[in-house]
Structure formats: structure tokens, C-alpha cells
């Protein structure tokens, strides 16, 4: 499981011009799932995201987590995170899990974040989405469960 974490001031995802999820200050997550990912991978990533200390404390140090700041999360499924661009000019997406495997695990990941007390908004799995956000810092990290 691979997640791109971006600290944001706001984020929104729309499908066909209609907003399906939006947040204010918090984390914008792009979530990729591969074939051999399990609920254990989802739990590892959810715990890491919830506790990641990338928000500034009163002294200006990145010392606080999204939980500690009361921030929100916008989680968007992103199979292209497993795109292989090493050969040719067209990415190969064979490492991305098929939707019937990926969607239940993506849903479980979001449930695990919510179980920690976080407000989690999502995109629409498998749909063509427009994602907009204001990256704050900018702060962007990649977490991989392997």
C-alpha cells in the first residue's frame, strides 16, 4: 500500500462538477493499493498517517499530528501510484490491484482512520475525479507499507 500525504489548507474532490468530498485544514491523501496488500498494510498506513507529526507546534517545529490539531482528511483512491514508467512511454499499471480487491481495502483504510476519531472525506472510487487543494508548506511525503 502506498500513500502520498500532503498537508493542506483545504482540499476538494468533484465528480462531473459536483463536490463529493471536501475538507479544511488537514491532510490530502492519494491512496494506492497493490495485489498483495492486506488489512495489516491498511492498519500500518492508517496508524502512520494519524500519528505523523507534520503540523507545527507553538514554537514552529513540525511536532503535531492531524489528530492533535483537529485536522481533517480527504482520501482519494489513486491506482496510478503503482504505475511503472521504466519501459517505454506508456505507464504499466499491472502492479495496481484490481477494483474488486482494492475497493474493500481502501474502504477499510478509511474506516481505520475514522476509528481513531478523524473526520475522513473521500473521493468516488473508480470515477474520473477532479482534485484541487492548497498544499501547505508545501509538505508532501510518501508512505509505503512494504
C-alpha atoms as a PDB file:
ATOM      1  CA  UNK A   1       0.000   0.000   0.000  1.00  0.00           C
ATOM      2  CA  UNK A   2       1.337   3.402  -0.946  1.00  0.00           C
ATOM      3  CA  UNK A   3       0.013   6.774   0.183  1.00  0.00           C
ATOM      4  CA  UNK A   4       1.069  10.272  -0.823  1.00  0.00           C
ATOM      5  CA  UNK A   5       0.416  12.529   2.167  1.00  0.00           C
ATOM      6  CA  UNK A   6       0.071  16.254   1.563  1.00  0.00           C
ATOM      7  CA  UNK A   7      -0.508  18.755   4.318  1.00  0.00           C
ATOM      8  CA  UNK A   8      -3.178  21.135   3.096  1.00  0.00           C
ATOM      9  CA  UNK A   9      -5.116  24.250   3.986  1.00  0.00           C
ATOM     10  CA  UNK A  10      -8.137  22.976   2.021  1.00  0.00           C
ATOM     11  CA  UNK A  11      -8.978  20.206  -0.421  1.00  0.00           C
ATOM     12  CA  UNK A  12     -11.928  19.161  -2.554  1.00  0.00           C
ATOM     13  CA  UNK A  13     -12.776  16.383  -4.985  1.00  0.00           C
ATOM     14  CA  UNK A  14     -15.520  16.671  -7.584  1.00  0.00           C
ATOM     15  CA  UNK A  15     -17.116  14.198  -9.984  1.00  0.00           C
ATOM     16  CA  UNK A  16     -18.931  15.610 -13.023  1.00  0.00           C
ATOM     17  CA  UNK A  17     -18.777  19.068 -11.468  1.00  0.00           C
ATOM     18  CA  UNK A  18     -20.400  18.009  -8.180  1.00  0.00           C
ATOM     19  CA  UNK A  19     -18.440  18.077  -4.930  1.00  0.00           C
ATOM     20  CA  UNK A  20     -18.219  14.607  -3.347  1.00  0.00           C
ATOM     21  CA  UNK A  21     -15.759  15.436  -0.575  1.00  0.00           C
ATOM     22  CA  UNK A  22     -14.069  18.497   0.862  1.00  0.00           C
ATOM     23  CA  UNK A  23     -12.063  19.462   3.926  1.00  0.00           C
ATOM     24  CA  UNK A  24     -10.417  22.450   5.511  1.00  0.00           C
ATOM     25  CA  UNK A  25      -7.025  22.177   7.219  1.00  0.00           C
ATOM     26  CA  UNK A  26      -5.632  18.668   7.346  1.00  0.00           C
ATOM     27  CA  UNK A  27      -4.256  16.004   5.041  1.00  0.00           C
ATOM     28  CA  UNK A  28      -4.882  15.232   1.391  1.00  0.00           C
ATOM     29  CA  UNK A  29      -4.193  11.525   0.791  1.00  0.00           C
ATOM     30  CA  UNK A  30      -3.692   9.766  -2.538  1.00  0.00           C
ATOM     31  CA  UNK A  31      -4.074   6.046  -1.809  1.00  0.00           C
ATOM     32  CA  UNK A  32      -2.687   3.249  -3.992  1.00  0.00           C
ATOM     33  CA  UNK A  33      -3.208  -0.469  -3.410  1.00  0.00           C
ATOM     34  CA  UNK A  34      -1.263  -3.349  -4.912  1.00  0.00           C
ATOM     35  CA  UNK A  35      -2.088  -7.064  -5.260  1.00  0.00           C
ATOM     36  CA  UNK A  36      -0.580  -8.408  -2.054  1.00  0.00           C
ATOM     37  CA  UNK A  37      -1.808  -5.673   0.296  1.00  0.00           C
ATOM     38  CA  UNK A  38      -3.817  -6.818   3.306  1.00  0.00           C
ATOM     39  CA  UNK A  39      -5.729  -5.272   6.201  1.00  0.00           C
ATOM     40  CA  UNK A  40      -2.411  -5.308   8.064  1.00  0.00           C
ATOM     41  CA  UNK A  41      -0.987  -2.918   5.434  1.00  0.00           C
ATOM     42  CA  UNK A  42      -4.071  -0.699   5.763  1.00  0.00           C
ATOM     43  CA  UNK A  43      -3.692  -0.614   9.557  1.00  0.00           C
ATOM     44  CA  UNK A  44       0.021   0.208   9.354  1.00  0.00           C
ATOM     45  CA  UNK A  45      -0.607   3.104   6.956  1.00  0.00           C
ATOM     46  CA  UNK A  46      -3.659   4.401   8.883  1.00  0.00           C
ATOM     47  CA  UNK A  47      -1.685   4.436  12.145  1.00  0.00           C
ATOM     48  CA  UNK A  48       1.261   6.147  10.450  1.00  0.00           C
ATOM     49  CA  UNK A  49      -0.943   8.820   8.823  1.00  0.00           C
ATOM     50  CA  UNK A  50      -2.883   9.550  12.021  1.00  0.00           C
ATOM     51  CA  UNK A  51       0.282   9.940  14.083  1.00  0.00           C
ATOM     52  CA  UNK A  52       2.526  11.645  11.532  1.00  0.00           C
ATOM     53  CA  UNK A  53       3.910  14.785  13.195  1.00  0.00           C
ATOM     54  CA  UNK A  54       3.917  17.265  10.304  1.00  0.00           C
ATOM     55  CA  UNK A  55       1.966  20.188  11.771  1.00  0.00           C
ATOM     56  CA  UNK A  56       3.778  22.983  13.576  1.00  0.00           C
ATOM     57  CA  UNK A  57       3.578  23.494  17.331  1.00  0.00           C
ATOM     58  CA  UNK A  58       3.716  26.865  19.083  1.00  0.00           C
ATOM     59  CA  UNK A  59       7.498  27.048  18.528  1.00  0.00           C
ATOM     60  CA  UNK A  60       7.230  26.439  14.787  1.00  0.00           C
ATOM     61  CA  UNK A  61       8.528  22.853  14.875  1.00  0.00           C
ATOM     62  CA  UNK A  62       6.689  20.094  12.996  1.00  0.00           C
ATOM     63  CA  UNK A  63       5.687  18.311  16.156  1.00  0.00           C
ATOM     64  CA  UNK A  64       1.904  17.761  15.964  1.00  0.00           C
ATOM     65  CA  UNK A  65      -0.234  15.167  14.206  1.00  0.00           C
ATOM     66  CA  UNK A  66      -3.516  15.639  12.366  1.00  0.00           C
ATOM     67  CA  UNK A  67      -5.194  14.098  15.428  1.00  0.00           C
ATOM     68  CA  UNK A  68      -3.636  16.662  17.750  1.00  0.00           C
ATOM     69  CA  UNK A  69      -4.581  19.626  15.547  1.00  0.00           C
ATOM     70  CA  UNK A  70      -8.175  18.515  14.922  1.00  0.00           C
ATOM     71  CA  UNK A  71      -7.468  18.405  11.198  1.00  0.00           C
ATOM     72  CA  UNK A  72      -9.496  16.538   8.618  1.00  0.00           C
ATOM     73  CA  UNK A  73      -8.569  14.049   5.901  1.00  0.00           C
ATOM     74  CA  UNK A  74      -9.533  13.837   2.244  1.00  0.00           C
ATOM     75  CA  UNK A  75      -8.716  10.335   0.982  1.00  0.00           C
ATOM     76  CA  UNK A  76      -8.707   9.690  -2.770  1.00  0.00           C
ATOM     77  CA  UNK A  77      -8.064   6.301  -4.382  1.00  0.00           C
ATOM     78  CA  UNK A  78      -5.194   6.531  -6.896  1.00  0.00           C
ATOM     79  CA  UNK A  79      -4.288   3.351  -8.793  1.00  0.00           C
ATOM     80  CA  UNK A  80      -1.706   5.285 -10.820  1.00  0.00           C
ATOM     81  CA  UNK A  81       0.602   5.334  -7.770  1.00  0.00           C
ATOM     82  CA  UNK A  82       1.546   1.830  -8.900  1.00  0.00           C
ATOM     83  CA  UNK A  83       2.267   2.897 -12.483  1.00  0.00           C
ATOM     84  CA  UNK A  84       5.586   1.551 -13.774  1.00  0.00           C
ATOM     85  CA  UNK A  85       7.277   4.039 -16.111  1.00  0.00           C
ATOM     86  CA  UNK A  86      10.609   2.247 -16.551  1.00  0.00           C
ATOM     87  CA  UNK A  87       9.925   0.903 -20.051  1.00  0.00           C
ATOM     88  CA  UNK A  88       8.598   2.883 -22.981  1.00  0.00           C
ATOM     89  CA  UNK A  89       6.455   5.981 -22.723  1.00  0.00           C
ATOM     90  CA  UNK A  90       3.149   4.457 -21.576  1.00  0.00           C
ATOM     91  CA  UNK A  91       2.939   3.519 -17.875  1.00  0.00           C
ATOM     92  CA  UNK A  92       2.180  -0.091 -16.986  1.00  0.00           C
ATOM     93  CA  UNK A  93      -0.412  -0.448 -14.221  1.00  0.00           C
ATOM     94  CA  UNK A  94      -0.090  -4.218 -13.683  1.00  0.00           C
ATOM     95  CA  UNK A  95       1.057  -3.684 -10.074  1.00  0.00           C
ATOM     96  CA  UNK A  96      -2.164  -1.892  -9.125  1.00  0.00           C
ATOM     97  CA  UNK A  97      -4.761  -4.134  -7.512  1.00  0.00           C
ATOM     98  CA  UNK A  98      -7.957  -4.781  -9.469  1.00  0.00           C
ATOM     99  CA  UNK A  99     -11.001  -2.818  -8.226  1.00  0.00           C
ATOM    100  CA  UNK A 100     -12.654  -5.852  -6.591  1.00  0.00           C
ATOM    101  CA  UNK A 101      -9.546  -6.208  -4.381  1.00  0.00           C
ATOM    102  CA  UNK A 102      -8.652  -2.532  -3.988  1.00  0.00           C
ATOM    103  CA  UNK A 103     -12.022  -1.032  -3.092  1.00  0.00           C
ATOM    104  CA  UNK A 104     -12.719  -3.111   0.049  1.00  0.00           C
ATOM    105  CA  UNK A 105      -9.187  -2.435   1.299  1.00  0.00           C
ATOM    106  CA  UNK A 106      -9.497   1.292   0.515  1.00  0.00           C
ATOM    107  CA  UNK A 107     -12.817   1.367   2.420  1.00  0.00           C
ATOM    108  CA  UNK A 108     -11.203  -0.478   5.358  1.00  0.00           C
ATOM    109  CA  UNK A 109      -8.309   2.016   5.404  1.00  0.00           C
ATOM    110  CA  UNK A 110     -10.764   4.924   5.676  1.00  0.00           C
ATOM    111  CA  UNK A 111     -12.717   3.112   8.420  1.00  0.00           C
ATOM    112  CA  UNK A 112      -9.477   2.637  10.378  1.00  0.00           C
ATOM    113  CA  UNK A 113      -8.768   6.382  10.176  1.00  0.00           C
ATOM    114  CA  UNK A 114     -12.316   7.194  11.315  1.00  0.00           C
ATOM    115  CA  UNK A 115     -11.981   4.736  14.218  1.00  0.00           C
ATOM    116  CA  UNK A 116      -9.138   6.922  15.521  1.00  0.00           C
ATOM    117  CA  UNK A 117     -11.512   9.892  15.704  1.00  0.00           C
ATOM    118  CA  UNK A 118     -10.600  11.558  12.423  1.00  0.00           C
ATOM    119  CA  UNK A 119     -13.116  13.153  10.066  1.00  0.00           C
ATOM    120  CA  UNK A 120     -12.476  11.476   6.699  1.00  0.00           C
ATOM    121  CA  UNK A 121     -13.991  12.587   3.411  1.00  0.00           C
ATOM    122  CA  UNK A 122     -13.412  10.551   0.262  1.00  0.00           C
ATOM    123  CA  UNK A 123     -13.494  10.733  -3.477  1.00  0.00           C
ATOM    124  CA  UNK A 124     -15.597   8.334  -5.566  1.00  0.00           C
ATOM    125  CA  UNK A 125     -13.747   5.057  -6.108  1.00  0.00           C
ATOM    126  CA  UNK A 126     -13.198   4.232  -9.767  1.00  0.00           C
ATOM    127  CA  UNK A 127     -14.608   7.515 -11.059  1.00  0.00           C
ATOM    128  CA  UNK A 128     -12.878  10.247 -13.046  1.00  0.00           C
ATOM    129  CA  UNK A 129     -12.298  12.895 -10.381  1.00  0.00           C
ATOM    130  CA  UNK A 130     -11.053  16.461 -10.274  1.00  0.00           C
ATOM    131  CA  UNK A 131      -8.973  17.085  -7.154  1.00  0.00           C
ATOM    132  CA  UNK A 132      -7.998  20.563  -6.001  1.00  0.00           C
ATOM    133  CA  UNK A 133      -6.132  21.540  -2.879  1.00  0.00           C
ATOM    134  CA  UNK A 134      -3.771  24.060  -1.373  1.00  0.00           C
ATOM    135  CA  UNK A 135      -0.586  22.285  -0.320  1.00  0.00           C
ATOM    136  CA  UNK A 136       0.569  23.943   2.878  1.00  0.00           C
ATOM    137  CA  UNK A 137       4.314  24.369   3.239  1.00  0.00           C
ATOM    138  CA  UNK A 138       4.494  22.615   0.865  1.00  0.00           C
ATOM    139  CA  UNK A 139       4.703  19.356   2.795  1.00  0.00           C
ATOM    140  CA  UNK A 140       4.452  16.129   0.767  1.00  0.00           C
ATOM    141  CA  UNK A 141       5.514  12.667   1.962  1.00  0.00           C
ATOM    142  CA  UNK A 142       5.224   9.138   0.594  1.00  0.00           C
ATOM    143  CA  UNK A 143       4.435   6.228   2.920  1.00  0.00           C
ATOM    144  CA  UNK A 144       4.799   2.655   1.696  1.00  0.00           C
ATOM    145  CA  UNK A 145       3.752  -0.330   3.807  1.00  0.00           C
ATOM    146  CA  UNK A 146       6.380  -2.658   2.319  1.00  0.00           C
END
